[in-house]
Amino acid sequence: MDRCGPQARWRPAVDPLHSQGSLRLSADHRLLFAVNAGSGTISSFAVDGTRLTLVSMEPSGGSEPSALAQLGDLLYVLNSGGNGNVTGFHVGRERAAWPRFPTRHAT
């Protein structure tokens, strides 16, 4: 609550970790990716109906990851903290529901 003049005014709190595009479902609906701005990581979950199983959690390649985009087998992460960057991850195809993130392309 901010005090302005003789009356108190309510202002909505600003969420510093708010992001748009922080969840991304893969095109085949087998994987869900999520950014974790507080820890600087991205998580991948195997999707089985209404159940999610954590597959991996990896460093995002920057600070404060805020958004995800996927094109083919590349997952892009927008890191909005510090100088900001975009990091790309290869999503493995050996086992369709199990991603791997061995290669990062920072720009």
C-alpha atoms as a PDB file:
ATOM      1  CA  MET A   1       0.000   0.000   0.000  1.00  0.00           C
ATOM      2  CA  ASP A   2       1.360   3.409  -0.971  1.00  0.00           C
ATOM      3  CA  ARG A   3       0.411   6.492   0.958  1.00  0.00           C
ATOM      4  CA  CYS A   4      -0.468   9.376  -1.368  1.00  0.00           C
ATOM      5  CA  GLY A   5      -2.069  12.476   0.084  1.00  0.00           C
ATOM      6  CA  PRO A   6      -4.650  12.183   2.816  1.00  0.00           C
ATOM      7  CA  GLN A   7      -5.931   8.793   1.628  1.00  0.00           C
ATOM      8  CA  ALA A   8      -4.153   5.471   1.311  1.00  0.00           C
ATOM      9  CA  ARG A   9      -4.211   3.960  -2.189  1.00  0.00           C
ATOM     10  CA  TRP A  10      -3.810   0.336  -3.051  1.00  0.00           C
ATOM     11  CA  ARG A  11      -1.451  -0.532  -5.863  1.00  0.00           C
ATOM     12  CA  PRO A  12      -0.997  -4.048  -7.162  1.00  0.00           C
ATOM     13  CA  ALA A  13       2.349  -5.597  -6.317  1.00  0.00           C
ATOM     14  CA  VAL A  14       4.743  -6.073  -9.217  1.00  0.00           C
ATOM     15  CA  ASP A  15       6.069  -9.602  -9.468  1.00  0.00           C
ATOM     16  CA  PRO A  16       9.769  -9.344 -10.434  1.00  0.00           C
ATOM     17  CA  LEU A  17       9.758 -12.943 -11.683  1.00  0.00           C
ATOM     18  CA  HIS A  18       6.637 -12.555 -13.849  1.00  0.00           C
ATOM     19  CA  SER A  19       7.125 -13.817 -17.363  1.00  0.00           C
ATOM     20  CA  GLN A  20       5.135 -14.645 -20.440  1.00  0.00           C
ATOM     21  CA  GLY A  21       6.024 -17.901 -22.165  1.00  0.00           C
ATOM     22  CA  SER A  22       7.536 -19.454 -19.058  1.00  0.00           C
ATOM     23  CA  LEU A  23       5.973 -22.827 -19.928  1.00  0.00           C
ATOM     24  CA  ARG A  24       6.298 -24.570 -23.280  1.00  0.00           C
ATOM     25  CA  LEU A  25       4.625 -27.824 -24.308  1.00  0.00           C
ATOM     26  CA  SER A  26       6.499 -29.652 -27.037  1.00  0.00           C
ATOM     27  CA  ALA A  27       4.800 -30.088 -30.422  1.00  0.00           C
ATOM     28  CA  ASP A  28       4.318 -33.813 -29.785  1.00  0.00           C
ATOM     29  CA  HIS A  29       2.831 -33.066 -26.309  1.00  0.00           C
ATOM     30  CA  ARG A  30       5.298 -35.430 -24.632  1.00  0.00           C
ATOM     31  CA  LEU A  31       7.423 -32.824 -22.850  1.00  0.00           C
ATOM     32  CA  LEU A  32       6.715 -29.722 -20.814  1.00  0.00           C
ATOM     33  CA  PHE A  33       9.512 -27.207 -20.286  1.00  0.00           C
ATOM     34  CA  ALA A  34       9.510 -24.588 -17.533  1.00  0.00           C
ATOM     35  CA  VAL A  35      11.804 -21.717 -16.587  1.00  0.00           C
ATOM     36  CA  ASN A  36      12.786 -21.285 -12.955  1.00  0.00           C
ATOM     37  CA  ALA A  37      13.840 -17.631 -12.691  1.00  0.00           C
ATOM     38  CA  GLY A  38      14.669 -17.839  -8.996  1.00  0.00           C
ATOM     39  CA  SER A  39      17.237 -20.615  -9.473  1.00  0.00           C
ATOM     40  CA  GLY A  40      18.372 -19.795 -13.023  1.00  0.00           C
ATOM     41  CA  THR A  41      17.389 -23.207 -14.346  1.00  0.00           C
ATOM     42  CA  ILE A  42      15.025 -24.840 -16.821  1.00  0.00           C
ATOM     43  CA  SER A  43      13.100 -27.991 -15.997  1.00  0.00           C
ATOM     44  CA  SER A  44      11.731 -30.609 -18.349  1.00  0.00           C
ATOM     45  CA  PHE A  45       8.848 -32.897 -17.488  1.00  0.00           C
ATOM     46  CA  ALA A  46       7.573 -36.016 -19.228  1.00  0.00           C
ATOM     47  CA  VAL A  47       3.827 -35.686 -19.859  1.00  0.00           C
ATOM     48  CA  ASP A  48       1.639 -38.759 -19.430  1.00  0.00           C
ATOM     49  CA  GLY A  49      -2.025 -37.765 -19.583  1.00  0.00           C
ATOM     50  CA  THR A  50      -2.504 -35.516 -16.558  1.00  0.00           C
ATOM     51  CA  ARG A  51       0.709 -36.665 -14.847  1.00  0.00           C
ATOM     52  CA  LEU A  52       4.055 -34.852 -15.019  1.00  0.00           C
ATOM     53  CA  THR A  53       7.367 -36.468 -14.138  1.00  0.00           C
ATOM     54  CA  LEU A  54      10.495 -34.362 -13.704  1.00  0.00           C
ATOM     55  CA  VAL A  55      13.095 -35.518 -16.223  1.00  0.00           C
ATOM     56  CA  SER A  56      15.853 -32.979 -15.737  1.00  0.00           C
ATOM     57  CA  MET A  57      16.742 -29.565 -14.385  1.00  0.00           C
ATOM     58  CA  GLU A  58      19.584 -27.714 -16.107  1.00  0.00           C
ATOM     59  CA  PRO A  59      21.273 -24.304 -15.764  1.00  0.00           C
ATOM     60  CA  SER A  60      19.685 -21.859 -18.210  1.00  0.00           C
ATOM     61  CA  GLY A  61      22.980 -20.450 -19.481  1.00  0.00           C
ATOM     62  CA  GLY A  62      22.282 -17.026 -17.968  1.00  0.00           C
ATOM     63  CA  SER A  63      20.414 -15.392 -15.127  1.00  0.00           C
ATOM     64  CA  GLU A  64      16.688 -15.036 -14.560  1.00  0.00           C
ATOM     65  CA  PRO A  65      15.315 -17.185 -17.398  1.00  0.00           C
ATOM     66  CA  SER A  66      11.935 -15.761 -18.328  1.00  0.00           C
ATOM     67  CA  ALA A  67      10.639 -17.298 -21.575  1.00  0.00           C
ATOM     68  CA  LEU A  68      10.924 -20.375 -23.788  1.00  0.00           C
ATOM     69  CA  ALA A  69      10.449 -21.073 -27.484  1.00  0.00           C
ATOM     70  CA  GLN A  70      10.940 -24.312 -29.386  1.00  0.00           C
ATOM     71  CA  LEU A  71      11.724 -24.860 -33.045  1.00  0.00           C
ATOM     72  CA  GLY A  72      12.237 -28.458 -34.070  1.00  0.00           C
ATOM     73  CA  ASP A  73      14.736 -30.049 -31.690  1.00  0.00           C
ATOM     74  CA  LEU A  74      16.004 -26.687 -30.391  1.00  0.00           C
ATOM     75  CA  LEU A  75      14.686 -25.121 -27.207  1.00  0.00           C
ATOM     76  CA  TYR A  76      15.522 -21.428 -26.772  1.00  0.00           C
ATOM     77  CA  VAL A  77      15.627 -19.760 -23.367  1.00  0.00           C
ATOM     78  CA  LEU A  78      15.469 -15.997 -22.883  1.00  0.00           C
ATOM     79  CA  ASN A  79      17.596 -15.032 -19.880  1.00  0.00           C
ATOM     80  CA  SER A  80      16.516 -11.525 -18.887  1.00  0.00           C
ATOM     81  CA  GLY A  81      18.831 -10.877 -15.925  1.00  0.00           C
ATOM     82  CA  GLY A  82      22.124  -9.007 -16.113  1.00  0.00           C
ATOM     83  CA  ASN A  83      23.084  -8.296 -19.727  1.00  0.00           C
ATOM     84  CA  GLY A  84      20.522 -10.844 -20.926  1.00  0.00           C
ATOM     85  CA  ASN A  85      21.019 -13.518 -23.549  1.00  0.00           C
ATOM     86  CA  VAL A  86      19.315 -16.290 -25.484  1.00  0.00           C
ATOM     87  CA  THR A  87      20.586 -19.827 -24.966  1.00  0.00           C
ATOM     88  CA  GLY A  88      19.689 -22.777 -27.208  1.00  0.00           C
ATOM     89  CA  PHE A  89      19.471 -26.401 -26.094  1.00  0.00           C
ATOM     90  CA  HIS A  90      19.259 -29.523 -28.250  1.00  0.00           C
ATOM     91  CA  VAL A  91      16.401 -31.745 -27.153  1.00  0.00           C
ATOM     92  CA  GLY A  92      17.431 -35.397 -27.498  1.00  0.00           C
ATOM     93  CA  ARG A  93      15.476 -37.816 -29.631  1.00  0.00           C
ATOM     94  CA  GLU A  94      16.995 -41.165 -28.591  1.00  0.00           C
ATOM     95  CA  ARG A  95      14.046 -41.721 -26.261  1.00  0.00           C
ATOM     96  CA  ALA A  96      11.151 -39.496 -27.309  1.00  0.00           C
ATOM     97  CA  ALA A  97      10.089 -38.547 -23.779  1.00  0.00           C
ATOM     98  CA  TRP A  98      13.596 -37.891 -22.419  1.00  0.00           C
ATOM     99  CA  PRO A  99      15.278 -34.643 -23.425  1.00  0.00           C
ATOM    100  CA  ARG A 100      18.975 -33.984 -23.088  1.00  0.00           C
ATOM    101  CA  PHE A 101      20.731 -30.647 -23.064  1.00  0.00           C
ATOM    102  CA  PRO A 102      24.377 -31.241 -24.055  1.00  0.00           C
ATOM    103  CA  THR A 103      24.862 -28.240 -26.342  1.00  0.00           C
ATOM    104  CA  ARG A 104      24.313 -24.610 -25.532  1.00  0.00           C
ATOM    105  CA  HIS A 105      24.443 -21.783 -28.041  1.00  0.00           C
ATOM    106  CA  ALA A 106      24.654 -18.456 -26.213  1.00  0.00           C
ATOM    107  CA  THR A 107      24.210 -15.194 -28.111  1.00  0.00           C
END
